[in-house]
Amino acid sequence: MRIEQSMVALGRATVTGTQTAAEHAEAVTELRAAVGLLLDELRRNEEYYEDGAELVAAAEQVQTELARDEPRRNILLRWLGFIAPGVHATAAVAADLTMIQEGVNALF
């Protein structure tokens, strides 16, 4: 995912200031996939994180919220904000989390 000025791109989906419903849906689908990958990573390496079980539970909350028809931005950002300090030592995971947070800000 990358954000450039007023455009957000999640994989193949692109969301601009005036997005179509199809573009938004595709971007949300890709955001859901990114959260799924984050959750898989946290589960796979749970024992390496100080609060691994809590991080997994928080990522599950993010996944549950994103499954809603209208995900609530503040709830997503709250759970993502909880996860961020726990994964800061793992650069790749921290970077992925930052991209997910930016995607949430841009889409909701």
Protein backbone atom coordinates (compact mmCIF):
# COMPACT_ATOMS: atom_id res chain seq x y z
CA MET A 1 0.00 0.00 0.00
CA ARG A 2 1.23 3.49 -0.66
CA ILE A 3 -0.19 6.96 -0.11
CA GLU A 4 0.77 9.82 -2.37
CA GLN A 5 -0.84 13.21 -1.88
CA SER A 6 -4.57 12.58 -2.23
CA MET A 7 -4.34 9.06 -3.61
CA VAL A 8 -4.23 5.82 -1.67
CA ALA A 9 -3.24 2.58 -3.34
CA LEU A 10 -3.67 -0.77 -1.62
CA GLY A 11 -2.13 -3.30 -3.96
CA ARG A 12 -4.12 -2.92 -7.18
CA ALA A 13 -6.95 -0.78 -5.80
CA THR A 14 -6.66 2.97 -6.02
CA VAL A 15 -8.76 5.37 -4.01
CA THR A 16 -8.85 9.04 -4.90
CA GLY A 17 -10.81 11.93 -3.43
CA THR A 18 -13.84 11.02 -5.56
CA GLN A 19 -13.87 7.25 -5.48
CA THR A 20 -16.47 4.95 -6.91
CA ALA A 21 -18.21 2.36 -4.76
CA ALA A 22 -16.31 -0.38 -6.60
CA GLU A 23 -12.93 1.29 -5.93
CA HIS A 24 -13.76 1.71 -2.27
CA ALA A 25 -14.92 -1.90 -1.97
CA GLU A 26 -11.74 -3.19 -3.62
CA ALA A 27 -9.55 -1.05 -1.35
CA VAL A 28 -11.41 -2.30 1.74
CA THR A 29 -10.99 -5.89 0.53
CA GLU A 30 -7.26 -5.38 0.21
CA LEU A 31 -7.13 -3.73 3.62
CA ARG A 32 -8.90 -6.77 5.07
CA ALA A 33 -6.33 -9.02 3.39
CA ALA A 34 -3.48 -6.95 4.86
CA VAL A 35 -4.98 -7.28 8.34
CA GLY A 36 -5.33 -11.04 7.77
CA LEU A 37 -1.62 -11.24 6.94
CA LEU A 38 -0.77 -9.16 10.03
CA LEU A 39 -2.86 -11.48 12.19
CA ASP A 40 -1.18 -14.55 10.69
CA GLU A 41 2.23 -13.03 11.42
CA LEU A 42 1.29 -12.23 15.01
CA ARG A 43 -0.11 -15.72 15.58
CA ARG A 44 2.92 -17.39 14.02
CA ASN A 45 5.36 -15.41 16.19
CA GLU A 46 3.19 -14.85 19.26
CA GLU A 47 5.83 -16.18 21.65
CA TYR A 48 8.41 -13.66 20.42
CA TYR A 49 6.32 -10.64 21.42
CA GLU A 50 6.17 -9.59 25.06
CA ASP A 51 2.37 -9.32 24.96
CA GLY A 52 1.85 -11.75 22.10
CA ALA A 53 -1.57 -13.05 23.15
CA GLU A 54 -2.90 -9.53 23.64
CA LEU A 55 -1.54 -8.44 20.25
CA VAL A 56 -3.25 -11.39 18.57
CA ALA A 57 -6.51 -10.55 20.35
CA ALA A 58 -6.25 -6.91 19.25
CA ALA A 59 -5.60 -7.93 15.63
CA GLU A 60 -8.62 -10.21 15.82
CA GLN A 61 -10.69 -7.21 16.97
CA VAL A 62 -9.43 -5.23 13.95
CA GLN A 63 -10.36 -8.10 11.65
CA THR A 64 -13.82 -8.36 13.22
CA GLU A 65 -14.42 -4.64 12.88
CA LEU A 66 -13.30 -4.63 9.24
CA ALA A 67 -15.79 -7.42 8.53
CA ARG A 68 -18.66 -5.06 9.37
CA ASP A 69 -20.60 -3.41 6.54
CA GLU A 70 -19.50 -0.03 7.90
CA PRO A 71 -16.32 -0.38 9.94
CA ARG A 72 -15.87 2.24 12.64
CA ARG A 73 -12.68 4.21 12.05
CA ASN A 74 -12.07 5.14 15.71
CA ILE A 75 -12.37 1.53 16.88
CA LEU A 76 -9.97 0.37 14.16
CA LEU A 77 -7.43 3.05 15.00
CA ARG A 78 -7.72 2.35 18.73
CA TRP A 79 -6.89 -1.36 18.27
CA LEU A 80 -4.16 -0.62 15.72
CA GLY A 81 -2.72 1.93 18.15
CA PHE A 82 -2.62 -0.77 20.82
CA ILE A 83 -0.72 -3.12 18.51
CA ALA A 84 1.86 -0.57 17.32
CA PRO A 85 4.08 -0.38 20.43
CA GLY A 86 4.10 -4.17 20.71
CA VAL A 87 5.53 -4.71 17.23
CA HIS A 88 7.83 -1.68 17.00
CA ALA A 89 10.94 -3.83 17.33
CA THR A 90 10.04 -5.81 14.20
CA ALA A 91 10.59 -3.34 11.38
CA ALA A 92 8.66 -5.19 8.67
CA VAL A 93 5.61 -5.75 10.89
CA ALA A 94 5.74 -2.17 12.18
CA ALA A 95 5.87 -0.86 8.60
CA ASP A 96 2.92 -3.04 7.60
CA LEU A 97 0.96 -1.82 10.61
CA THR A 98 1.67 1.80 9.68
CA MET A 99 0.38 1.17 6.15
CA ILE A 100 -2.78 -0.41 7.56
CA GLN A 101 -3.33 2.60 9.83
CA GLU A 102 -2.88 4.95 6.87
CA GLY A 103 -5.34 2.89 4.85
CA VAL A 104 -7.93 3.10 7.63
CA ASN A 105 -7.46 6.87 7.81
CA ALA A 106 -7.88 7.22 4.07
CA LEU A 107 -10.85 4.88 3.62
CA PHE A 108 -13.05 5.60 6.62
